[in-house]
Amino acid sequence: PGNEREGISCLSTSDSNTVYTDSVKGRFTISRDNAKNTHYLQM
């Protein structure tokens, strides 16, 4: 509330590279399950 949008994580489909903003590094993990067509953010 009252804040700008903050990008926190991204999983590149082309090379499976993962990117995190500094405030969540080491705490959040992005992943995907292709069989379920689902992406996850473990926090």
All heavy atoms as atom14 arrays in JSON, in Angstrom:
{
  "sequence": "PGNEREGISCLSTSDSNTVYTDSVKGRFTISRDNAKNTHYLQM",
  "atom14_mask": [
    [1, 1, 1, 1, 1, 1, 1, 0, 0, 0, 0, 0, 0, 0],
    [1, 1, 1, 1, 0, 0, 0, 0, 0, 0, 0, 0, 0, 0],
    [1, 1, 1, 1, 1, 1, 1, 1, 0, 0, 0, 0, 0, 0],
    [1, 1, 1, 1, 1, 1, 1, 1, 1, 0, 0, 0, 0, 0],
    [1, 1, 1, 1, 1, 1, 1, 1, 1, 1, 1, 0, 0, 0],
    [1, 1, 1, 1, 1, 1, 1, 1, 1, 0, 0, 0, 0, 0],
    [1, 1, 1, 1, 0, 0, 0, 0, 0, 0, 0, 0, 0, 0],
    [1, 1, 1, 1, 1, 1, 1, 1, 0, 0, 0, 0, 0, 0],
    [1, 1, 1, 1, 1, 1, 0, 0, 0, 0, 0, 0, 0, 0],
    [1, 1, 1, 1, 1, 1, 0, 0, 0, 0, 0, 0, 0, 0],
    [1, 1, 1, 1, 1, 1, 1, 1, 0, 0, 0, 0, 0, 0],
    [1, 1, 1, 1, 1, 1, 0, 0, 0, 0, 0, 0, 0, 0],
    [1, 1, 1, 1, 1, 1, 1, 0, 0, 0, 0, 0, 0, 0],
    [1, 1, 1, 1, 1, 1, 0, 0, 0, 0, 0, 0, 0, 0],
    [1, 1, 1, 1, 1, 1, 1, 1, 0, 0, 0, 0, 0, 0],
    [1, 1, 1, 1, 1, 1, 0, 0, 0, 0, 0, 0, 0, 0],
    [1, 1, 1, 1, 1, 1, 1, 1, 0, 0, 0, 0, 0, 0],
    [1, 1, 1, 1, 1, 1, 1, 0, 0, 0, 0, 0, 0, 0],
    [1, 1, 1, 1, 1, 1, 1, 0, 0, 0, 0, 0, 0, 0],
    [1, 1, 1, 1, 1, 1, 1, 1, 1, 1, 1, 1, 0, 0],
    [1, 1, 1, 1, 1, 1, 1, 0, 0, 0, 0, 0, 0, 0],
    [1, 1, 1, 1, 1, 1, 1, 1, 0, 0, 0, 0, 0, 0],
    [1, 1, 1, 1, 1, 1, 0, 0, 0, 0, 0, 0, 0, 0],
    [1, 1, 1, 1, 1, 1, 1, 0, 0, 0, 0, 0, 0, 0],
    [1, 1, 1, 1, 1, 1, 1, 1, 1, 0, 0, 0, 0, 0],
    [1, 1, 1, 1, 0, 0, 0, 0, 0, 0, 0, 0, 0, 0],
    [1, 1, 1, 1, 1, 1, 1, 1, 1, 1, 1, 0, 0, 0],
    [1, 1, 1, 1, 1, 1, 1, 1, 1, 1, 1, 0, 0, 0],
    [1, 1, 1, 1, 1, 1, 1, 0, 0, 0, 0, 0, 0, 0],
    [1, 1, 1, 1, 1, 1, 1, 1, 0, 0, 0, 0, 0, 0],
    [1, 1, 1, 1, 1, 1, 0, 0, 0, 0, 0, 0, 0, 0],
    [1, 1, 1, 1, 1, 1, 1, 1, 1, 1, 1, 0, 0, 0],
    [1, 1, 1, 1, 1, 1, 1, 1, 0, 0, 0, 0, 0, 0],
    [1, 1, 1, 1, 1, 1, 1, 1, 0, 0, 0, 0, 0, 0],
    [1, 1, 1, 1, 1, 0, 0, 0, 0, 0, 0, 0, 0, 0],
    [1, 1, 1, 1, 1, 1, 1, 1, 1, 0, 0, 0, 0, 0],
    [1, 1, 1, 1, 1, 1, 1, 1, 0, 0, 0, 0, 0, 0],
    [1, 1, 1, 1, 1, 1, 1, 0, 0, 0, 0, 0, 0, 0],
    [1, 1, 1, 1, 1, 1, 1, 1, 1, 1, 0, 0, 0, 0],
    [1, 1, 1, 1, 1, 1, 1, 1, 1, 1, 1, 1, 0, 0],
    [1, 1, 1, 1, 1, 1, 1, 1, 0, 0, 0, 0, 0, 0],
    [1, 1, 1, 1, 1, 1, 1, 1, 1, 0, 0, 0, 0, 0],
    [1, 1, 1, 1, 1, 1, 1, 1, 0, 0, 0, 0, 0, 0]
  ],
  "atom14_positions": [
    [[0.83, -1.22, 0.0], [0.0, 0.0, 0.0], [0.85, 1.26, 0.0], [1.77, 1.4, 0.81], [-0.81, -0.14, 1.29], [-0.89, -1.59, 1.55], [0.43, -2.15, 1.07], [0.0, 0.0, 0.0], [0.0, 0.0, 0.0], [0.0, 0.0, 0.0], [0.0, 0.0, 0.0], [0.0, 0.0, 0.0], [0.0, 0.0, 0.0], [0.0, 0.0, 0.0]],
    [[0.56, 2.15, -0.93], [1.28, 3.41, -1.0], [2.63, 3.35, -1.67], [3.33, 4.36, -1.78], [0.0, 0.0, 0.0], [0.0, 0.0, 0.0], [0.0, 0.0, 0.0], [0.0, 0.0, 0.0], [0.0, 0.0, 0.0], [0.0, 0.0, 0.0], [0.0, 0.0, 0.0], [0.0, 0.0, 0.0], [0.0, 0.0, 0.0], [0.0, 0.0, 0.0]],
    [[3.01, 2.16, -2.11], [4.33, 1.98, -2.73], [4.21, 1.71, -4.23], [3.17, 1.29, -4.72], [5.08, 0.81, -2.08], [5.57, 1.15, -0.69], [5.3, 2.21, -0.16], [6.28, 0.2, -0.08], [0.0, 0.0, 0.0], [0.0, 0.0, 0.0], [0.0, 0.0, 0.0], [0.0, 0.0, 0.0], [0.0, 0.0, 0.0], [0.0, 0.0, 0.0]],
    [[5.32, 1.92, -4.92], [5.4, 1.55, -6.33], [5.51, 0.03, -6.46], [5.84, -0.68, -5.51], [6.66, 2.19, -6.95], [6.71, 3.69, -6.93], [5.94, 4.31, -8.1], [5.38, 3.55, -8.91], [5.91, 5.54, -8.19], [0.0, 0.0, 0.0], [0.0, 0.0, 0.0], [0.0, 0.0, 0.0], [0.0, 0.0, 0.0], [0.0, 0.0, 0.0]],
    [[5.25, -0.44, -7.66], [5.47, -1.86, -7.94], [6.97, -2.17, -7.82], [7.8, -1.37, -8.22], [5.01, -2.2, -9.35], [3.54, -1.91, -9.62], [3.07, -2.49, -10.92], [3.93, -2.21, -12.06], [3.82, -2.8, -13.24], [2.88, -3.72, -13.43], [4.63, -2.49, -14.22], [0.0, 0.0, 0.0], [0.0, 0.0, 0.0], [0.0, 0.0, 0.0]],
    [[7.26, -3.35, -7.29], [8.64, -3.78, -7.12], [8.82, -5.14, -7.77], [8.24, -6.13, -7.32], [8.99, -3.85, -5.63], [10.41, -4.34, -5.37], [10.7, -4.6, -3.9], [9.75, -4.81, -3.13], [11.88, -4.61, -3.54], [0.0, 0.0, 0.0], [0.0, 0.0, 0.0], [0.0, 0.0, 0.0], [0.0, 0.0, 0.0], [0.0, 0.0, 0.0]],
    [[9.63, -5.19, -8.8], [9.96, -6.47, -9.4], [10.84, -7.25, -8.46], [11.84, -6.73, -7.99], [0.0, 0.0, 0.0], [0.0, 0.0, 0.0], [0.0, 0.0, 0.0], [0.0, 0.0, 0.0], [0.0, 0.0, 0.0], [0.0, 0.0, 0.0], [0.0, 0.0, 0.0], [0.0, 0.0, 0.0], [0.0, 0.0, 0.0], [0.0, 0.0, 0.0]],
    [[10.51, -8.53, -8.2], [11.29, -9.27, -7.21], [11.97, -10.51, -7.78], [13.01, -10.92, -7.27], [10.44, -9.65, -5.99], [9.19, -10.45, -6.39], [10.07, -8.42, -5.19], [8.42, -10.97, -5.2], [0.0, 0.0, 0.0], [0.0, 0.0, 0.0], [0.0, 0.0, 0.0], [0.0, 0.0, 0.0], [0.0, 0.0, 0.0], [0.0, 0.0, 0.0]],
    [[11.43, -11.1, -8.83], [12.05, -12.3, -9.34], [11.58, -12.59, -10.76], [10.48, -12.2, -11.15], [11.72, -13.5, -8.44], [12.4, -14.65, -8.87], [0.0, 0.0, 0.0], [0.0, 0.0, 0.0], [0.0, 0.0, 0.0], [0.0, 0.0, 0.0], [0.0, 0.0, 0.0], [0.0, 0.0, 0.0], [0.0, 0.0, 0.0], [0.0, 0.0, 0.0]],
    [[12.45, -13.29, -11.51], [12.11, -13.65, -12.88], [12.81, -14.95, -13.24], [13.97, -15.15, -12.85], [12.54, -12.53, -13.82], [12.19, -12.84, -15.57], [0.0, 0.0, 0.0], [0.0, 0.0, 0.0], [0.0, 0.0, 0.0], [0.0, 0.0, 0.0], [0.0, 0.0, 0.0], [0.0, 0.0, 0.0], [0.0, 0.0, 0.0], [0.0, 0.0, 0.0]],
    [[12.11, -15.79, -13.99], [12.69, -17.03, -14.51], [12.62, -16.96, -16.02], [11.53, -16.95, -16.6], [11.92, -18.24, -13.99], [12.32, -19.61, -14.54], [13.77, -19.93, -14.24], [11.41, -20.7, -13.97], [0.0, 0.0, 0.0], [0.0, 0.0, 0.0], [0.0, 0.0, 0.0], [0.0, 0.0, 0.0], [0.0, 0.0, 0.0], [0.0, 0.0, 0.0]],
    [[13.8, -16.87, -16.63], [13.85, -16.77, -18.08], [13.6, -18.13, -18.71], [14.27, -19.1, -18.38], [15.23, -16.24, -18.5], [15.37, -16.34, -19.89], [0.0, 0.0, 0.0], [0.0, 0.0, 0.0], [0.0, 0.0, 0.0], [0.0, 0.0, 0.0], [0.0, 0.0, 0.0], [0.0, 0.0, 0.0], [0.0, 0.0, 0.0], [0.0, 0.0, 0.0]],
    [[12.63, -18.18, -19.61], [12.33, -19.45, -20.26], [13.44, -19.87, -21.22], [13.74, -21.04, -21.35], [11.0, -19.35, -21.03], [9.95, -19.08, -20.1], [10.7, -20.63, -21.78], [0.0, 0.0, 0.0], [0.0, 0.0, 0.0], [0.0, 0.0, 0.0], [0.0, 0.0, 0.0], [0.0, 0.0, 0.0], [0.0, 0.0, 0.0], [0.0, 0.0, 0.0]],
    [[14.07, -18.89, -21.86], [15.05, -19.2, -22.9], [16.27, -19.92, -22.35], [16.8, -20.84, -22.96], [15.47, -17.92, -23.62], [16.06, -17.02, -22.71], [0.0, 0.0, 0.0], [0.0, 0.0, 0.0], [0.0, 0.0, 0.0], [0.0, 0.0, 0.0], [0.0, 0.0, 0.0], [0.0, 0.0, 0.0], [0.0, 0.0, 0.0], [0.0, 0.0, 0.0]],
    [[16.73, -19.5, -21.17], [17.96, -20.11, -20.65], [17.85, -20.55, -19.2], [18.84, -20.89, -18.56], [19.14, -19.15, -20.8], [18.92, -17.83, -20.07], [17.91, -17.71, -19.36], [19.75, -16.92, -20.22], [0.0, 0.0, 0.0], [0.0, 0.0, 0.0], [0.0, 0.0, 0.0], [0.0, 0.0, 0.0], [0.0, 0.0, 0.0], [0.0, 0.0, 0.0]],
    [[16.63, -20.51, -18.65], [16.38, -20.9, -17.26], [17.18, -20.07, -16.27], [17.4, -20.5, -15.14], [16.68, -22.38, -17.05], [15.8, -23.17, -17.82], [0.0, 0.0, 0.0], [0.0, 0.0, 0.0], [0.0, 0.0, 0.0], [0.0, 0.0, 0.0], [0.0, 0.0, 0.0], [0.0, 0.0, 0.0], [0.0, 0.0, 0.0], [0.0, 0.0, 0.0]],
    [[17.6, -18.89, -16.69], [18.31, -18.01, -15.76], [17.31, -17.43, -14.76], [16.18, -17.09, -15.11], [18.98, -16.88, -16.54], [19.86, -16.03, -15.67], [20.52, -16.52, -14.77], [19.86, -14.74, -15.95], [0.0, 0.0, 0.0], [0.0, 0.0, 0.0], [0.0, 0.0, 0.0], [0.0, 0.0, 0.0], [0.0, 0.0, 0.0], [0.0, 0.0, 0.0]],
    [[17.74, -17.3, -13.51], [16.87, -16.71, -12.49], [17.46, -15.39, -12.02], [18.68, -15.23, -11.92], [16.7, -17.65, -11.29], [17.99, -17.97, -10.75], [15.99, -18.93, -11.69], [0.0, 0.0, 0.0], [0.0, 0.0, 0.0], [0.0, 0.0, 0.0], [0.0, 0.0, 0.0], [0.0, 0.0, 0.0], [0.0, 0.0, 0.0], [0.0, 0.0, 0.0]],
    [[16.57, -14.44, -11.75], [16.97, -13.12, -11.31], [16.16, -12.77, -10.06], [14.96, -13.04, -10.01], [16.71, -12.07, -12.41], [17.2, -10.7, -11.95], [17.39, -12.47, -13.71], [0.0, 0.0, 0.0], [0.0, 0.0, 0.0], [0.0, 0.0, 0.0], [0.0, 0.0, 0.0], [0.0, 0.0, 0.0], [0.0, 0.0, 0.0], [0.0, 0.0, 0.0]],
    [[16.83, -12.16, -9.09], [16.15, -11.74, -7.86], [16.58, -10.32, -7.5], [17.72, -9.93, -7.71], [16.53, -12.65, -6.69], [16.15, -14.1, -6.87], [17.06, -15.02, -7.37], [14.87, -14.55, -6.53], [16.71, -16.35, -7.55], [14.52, -15.88, -6.69], [15.44, -16.78, -7.21], [15.09, -18.09, -7.36], [0.0, 0.0, 0.0], [0.0, 0.0, 0.0]],
    [[15.65, -9.58, -6.93], [16.03, -8.3, -6.38], [16.76, -8.53, -5.05], [16.56, -9.57, -4.39], [14.8, -7.39, -6.18], [15.22, -6.06, -5.95], [13.93, -7.87, -5.03], [0.0, 0.0, 0.0], [0.0, 0.0, 0.0], [0.0, 0.0, 0.0], [0.0, 0.0, 0.0], [0.0, 0.0, 0.0], [0.0, 0.0, 0.0], [0.0, 0.0, 0.0]],
    [[17.6, -7.58, -4.67], [18.48, -7.8, -3.51], [17.71, -8.1, -2.23], [18.18, -8.9, -1.4], [19.36, -6.56, -3.3], [20.46, -6.44, -4.34], [20.71, -7.43, -5.05], [21.06, -5.36, -4.44], [0.0, 0.0, 0.0], [0.0, 0.0, 0.0], [0.0, 0.0, 0.0], [0.0, 0.0, 0.0], [0.0, 0.0, 0.0], [0.0, 0.0, 0.0]],
    [[16.56, -7.49, -2.05], [15.85, -7.64, -0.78], [15.3, -9.06, -0.55], [14.95, -9.39, 0.59], [14.7, -6.63, -0.7], [13.75, -6.87, -1.72], [0.0, 0.0, 0.0], [0.0, 0.0, 0.0], [0.0, 0.0, 0.0], [0.0, 0.0, 0.0], [0.0, 0.0, 0.0], [0.0, 0.0, 0.0], [0.0, 0.0, 0.0], [0.0, 0.0, 0.0]],
    [[15.25, -9.88, -1.59], [14.72, -11.24, -1.4], [15.76, -12.32, -1.69], [15.48, -13.51, -1.5], [13.47, -11.48, -2.27], [12.44, -10.39, -2.04], [13.83, -11.6, -3.74], [0.0, 0.0, 0.0], [0.0, 0.0, 0.0], [0.0, 0.0, 0.0], [0.0, 0.0, 0.0], [0.0, 0.0, 0.0], [0.0, 0.0, 0.0], [0.0, 0.0, 0.0]],
    [[16.94, -11.94, -2.13], [17.98, -12.93, -2.43], [18.29, -13.77, -1.21], [18.44, -13.26, -0.12], [19.25, -12.23, -2.91], [19.23, -11.8, -4.36], [20.55, -11.14, -4.75], [20.49, -10.66, -6.18], [21.72, -9.93, -6.58], [0.0, 0.0, 0.0], [0.0, 0.0, 0.0], [0.0, 0.0, 0.0], [0.0, 0.0, 0.0], [0.0, 0.0, 0.0]],
    [[18.37, -15.08, -1.43], [18.67, -16.0, -0.34], [17.45, -16.4, 0.46], [17.53, -17.31, 1.3], [0.0, 0.0, 0.0], [0.0, 0.0, 0.0], [0.0, 0.0, 0.0], [0.0, 0.0, 0.0], [0.0, 0.0, 0.0], [0.0, 0.0, 0.0], [0.0, 0.0, 0.0], [0.0, 0.0, 0.0], [0.0, 0.0, 0.0], [0.0, 0.0, 0.0]],
    [[16.32, -15.75, 0.24], [15.09, -16.07, 0.98], [13.99, -16.59, 0.06], [13.19, -17.44, 0.46], [14.58, -14.84, 1.73], [15.55, -14.28, 2.75], [14.91, -13.19, 3.61], [14.44, -12.05, 2.83], [13.18, -11.62, 2.81], [12.25, -12.24, 3.5], [12.85, -10.55, 2.09], [0.0, 0.0, 0.0], [0.0, 0.0, 0.0], [0.0, 0.0, 0.0]],
    [[13.93, -16.08, -1.16], [12.89, -16.47, -2.11], [13.51, -17.31, -3.22], [14.65, -17.07, -3.64], [12.24, -15.24, -2.74], [11.38, -14.41, -1.82], [11.37, -14.62, -0.44], [10.57, -13.41, -2.33], [10.57, -13.87, 0.4], [9.76, -12.64, -1.51], [9.77, -12.86, -0.14], [0.0, 0.0, 0.0], [0.0, 0.0, 0.0], [0.0, 0.0, 0.0]],
    [[12.73, -18.28, -3.71], [13.19, -19.12, -4.81], [12.08, -19.27, -5.84], [10.96, -19.66, -5.49], [13.58, -20.52, -4.31], [14.56, -20.4, -3.27], [14.15, -21.36, -5.44], [0.0, 0.0, 0.0], [0.0, 0.0, 0.0], [0.0, 0.0, 0.0], [0.0, 0.0, 0.0], [0.0, 0.0, 0.0], [0.0, 0.0, 0.0], [0.0, 0.0, 0.0]],
    [[12.41, -18.97, -7.08], [11.45, -19.11, -8.17], [11.72, -20.42, -8.89], [12.87, -20.82, -9.07], [11.52, -17.9, -9.13], [10.35, -17.9, -10.12], [12.85, -17.85, -9.85], [10.26, -16.63, -10.95], [0.0, 0.0, 0.0], [0.0, 0.0, 0.0], [0.0, 0.0, 0.0], [0.0, 0.0, 0.0], [0.0, 0.0, 0.0], [0.0, 0.0, 0.0]],
    [[10.64, -21.09, -9.31], [10.82, -22.36, -9.99], [9.6, -22.63, -10.87], [8.62, -21.87, -10.84], [11.0, -23.5, -8.99], [9.83, -23.66, -8.19], [0.0, 0.0, 0.0], [0.0, 0.0, 0.0], [0.0, 0.0, 0.0], [0.0, 0.0, 0.0], [0.0, 0.0, 0.0], [0.0, 0.0, 0.0], [0.0, 0.0, 0.0], [0.0, 0.0, 0.0]],
    [[9.67, -23.69, -11.64], [8.52, -24.06, -12.46], [8.41, -25.57, -12.53], [9.4, -26.29, -12.4], [8.63, -23.48, -13.87], [9.78, -24.02, -14.69], [9.69, -23.56, -16.13], [10.85, -23.98, -16.89], [11.78, -23.13, -17.32], [11.67, -21.85, -17.08], [12.8, -23.59, -18.01], [0.0, 0.0, 0.0], [0.0, 0.0, 0.0], [0.0, 0.0, 0.0]],
    [[7.19, -26.01, -12.74], [6.9, -27.43, -12.96], [6.23, -27.51, -14.33], [5.05, -27.2, -14.48], [5.97, -27.95, -11.86], [5.71, -29.45, -11.99], [5.75, -29.98, -13.12], [5.45, -30.08, -10.96], [0.0, 0.0, 0.0], [0.0, 0.0, 0.0], [0.0, 0.0, 0.0], [0.0, 0.0, 0.0], [0.0, 0.0, 0.0], [0.0, 0.0, 0.0]],
    [[7.01, -27.91, -15.33], [6.49, -27.91, -16.69], [5.32, -28.86, -16.85], [4.38, -28.59, -17.59], [7.61, -28.29, -17.67], [8.64, -27.18, -17.81], [8.33, -26.01, -17.63], [9.88, -27.57, -18.09], [0.0, 0.0, 0.0], [0.0, 0.0, 0.0], [0.0, 0.0, 0.0], [0.0, 0.0, 0.0], [0.0, 0.0, 0.0], [0.0, 0.0, 0.0]],
    [[5.36, -29.98, -16.15], [4.28, -30.96, -16.27], [2.94, -30.39, -15.79], [1.89, -30.76, -16.3], [4.64, -32.22, -15.48], [0.0, 0.0, 0.0], [0.0, 0.0, 0.0], [0.0, 0.0, 0.0], [0.0, 0.0, 0.0], [0.0, 0.0, 0.0], [0.0, 0.0, 0.0], [0.0, 0.0, 0.0], [0.0, 0.0, 0.0], [0.0, 0.0, 0.0]],
    [[3.01, -29.5, -14.82], [1.79, -28.9, -14.27], [1.53, -27.51, -14.83], [0.55, -26.87, -14.46], [1.88, -28.82, -12.74], [1.94, -30.17, -12.05], [1.98, -30.0, -10.53], [2.0, -31.35, -9.84], [2.04, -31.22, -8.37], [0.0, 0.0, 0.0], [0.0, 0.0, 0.0], [0.0, 0.0, 0.0], [0.0, 0.0, 0.0], [0.0, 0.0, 0.0]],
    [[2.43, -27.06, -15.72], [2.28, -25.71, -16.3], [2.15, -24.66, -15.2], [1.35, -23.72, -15.3], [1.06, -25.65, -17.23], [1.05, -24.39, -18.08], [2.09, -23.86, -18.44], [-0.14, -23.89, -18.38], [0.0, 0.0, 0.0], [0.0, 0.0, 0.0], [0.0, 0.0, 0.0], [0.0, 0.0, 0.0], [0.0, 0.0, 0.0], [0.0, 0.0, 0.0]],
    [[2.92, -24.82, -14.16], [2.79, -23.96, -12.99], [4.16, -23.42, -12.58], [5.15, -24.15, -12.62], [2.17, -24.73, -11.81], [0.88, -25.23, -12.2], [1.99, -23.83, -10.6], [0.0, 0.0, 0.0], [0.0, 0.0, 0.0], [0.0, 0.0, 0.0], [0.0, 0.0, 0.0], [0.0, 0.0, 0.0], [0.0, 0.0, 0.0], [0.0, 0.0, 0.0]],
    [[4.17, -22.14, -12.22], [5.37, -21.52, -11.67], [5.15, -21.25, -10.19], [4.0, -21.05, -9.74], [5.67, -20.21, -12.4], [6.16, -20.41, -13.79], [5.35, -20.82, -14.82], [7.4, -20.26, -14.32], [6.06, -20.93, -15.94], [7.31, -20.59, -15.66], [0.0, 0.0, 0.0], [0.0, 0.0, 0.0], [0.0, 0.0, 0.0], [0.0, 0.0, 0.0]],
    [[6.24, -21.25, -9.46], [6.16, -21.09, -8.01], [7.1, -20.01, -7.51], [8.13, -19.75, -8.12], [6.51, -22.4, -7.29], [5.65, -23.58, -7.69], [6.11, -24.52, -8.61], [4.39, -23.76, -7.13], [5.32, -25.6, -8.97], [3.59, -24.84, -7.49], [4.07, -25.75, -8.41], [3.28, -26.82, -8.76], [0.0, 0.0, 0.0], [0.0, 0.0, 0.0]],
    [[6.72, -19.41, -6.38], [7.64, -18.55, -5.65], [7.64, -19.04, -4.21], [6.66, -18.86, -3.49], [7.21, -17.08, -5.72], [8.18, -16.11, -5.05], [9.5, -16.05, -5.84], [7.58, -14.72, -4.91], [0.0, 0.0, 0.0], [0.0, 0.0, 0.0], [0.0, 0.0, 0.0], [0.0, 0.0, 0.0], [0.0, 0.0, 0.0], [0.0, 0.0, 0.0]],
    [[8.71, -19.71, -3.84], [8.88, -20.17, -2.46], [9.47, -19.03, -1.65], [10.54, -18.53, -1.98], [9.8, -21.39, -2.4], [10.07, -21.89, -1.0], [8.85, -22.47, -0.32], [8.06, -23.15, -0.95], [8.71, -22.19, 0.97], [0.0, 0.0, 0.0], [0.0, 0.0, 0.0], [0.0, 0.0, 0.0], [0.0, 0.0, 0.0], [0.0, 0.0, 0.0]],
    [[8.77, -18.64, -0.6], [9.2, -17.5, 0.21], [9.49, -18.0, 1.62], [8.58, -18.48, 2.31], [8.11, -16.43, 0.23], [7.68, -15.97, -1.16], [6.54, -14.58, -1.13], [5.14, -15.33, -0.31], [0.0, 0.0, 0.0], [0.0, 0.0, 0.0], [0.0, 0.0, 0.0], [0.0, 0.0, 0.0], [0.0, 0.0, 0.0], [0.0, 0.0, 0.0]]
  ]
}
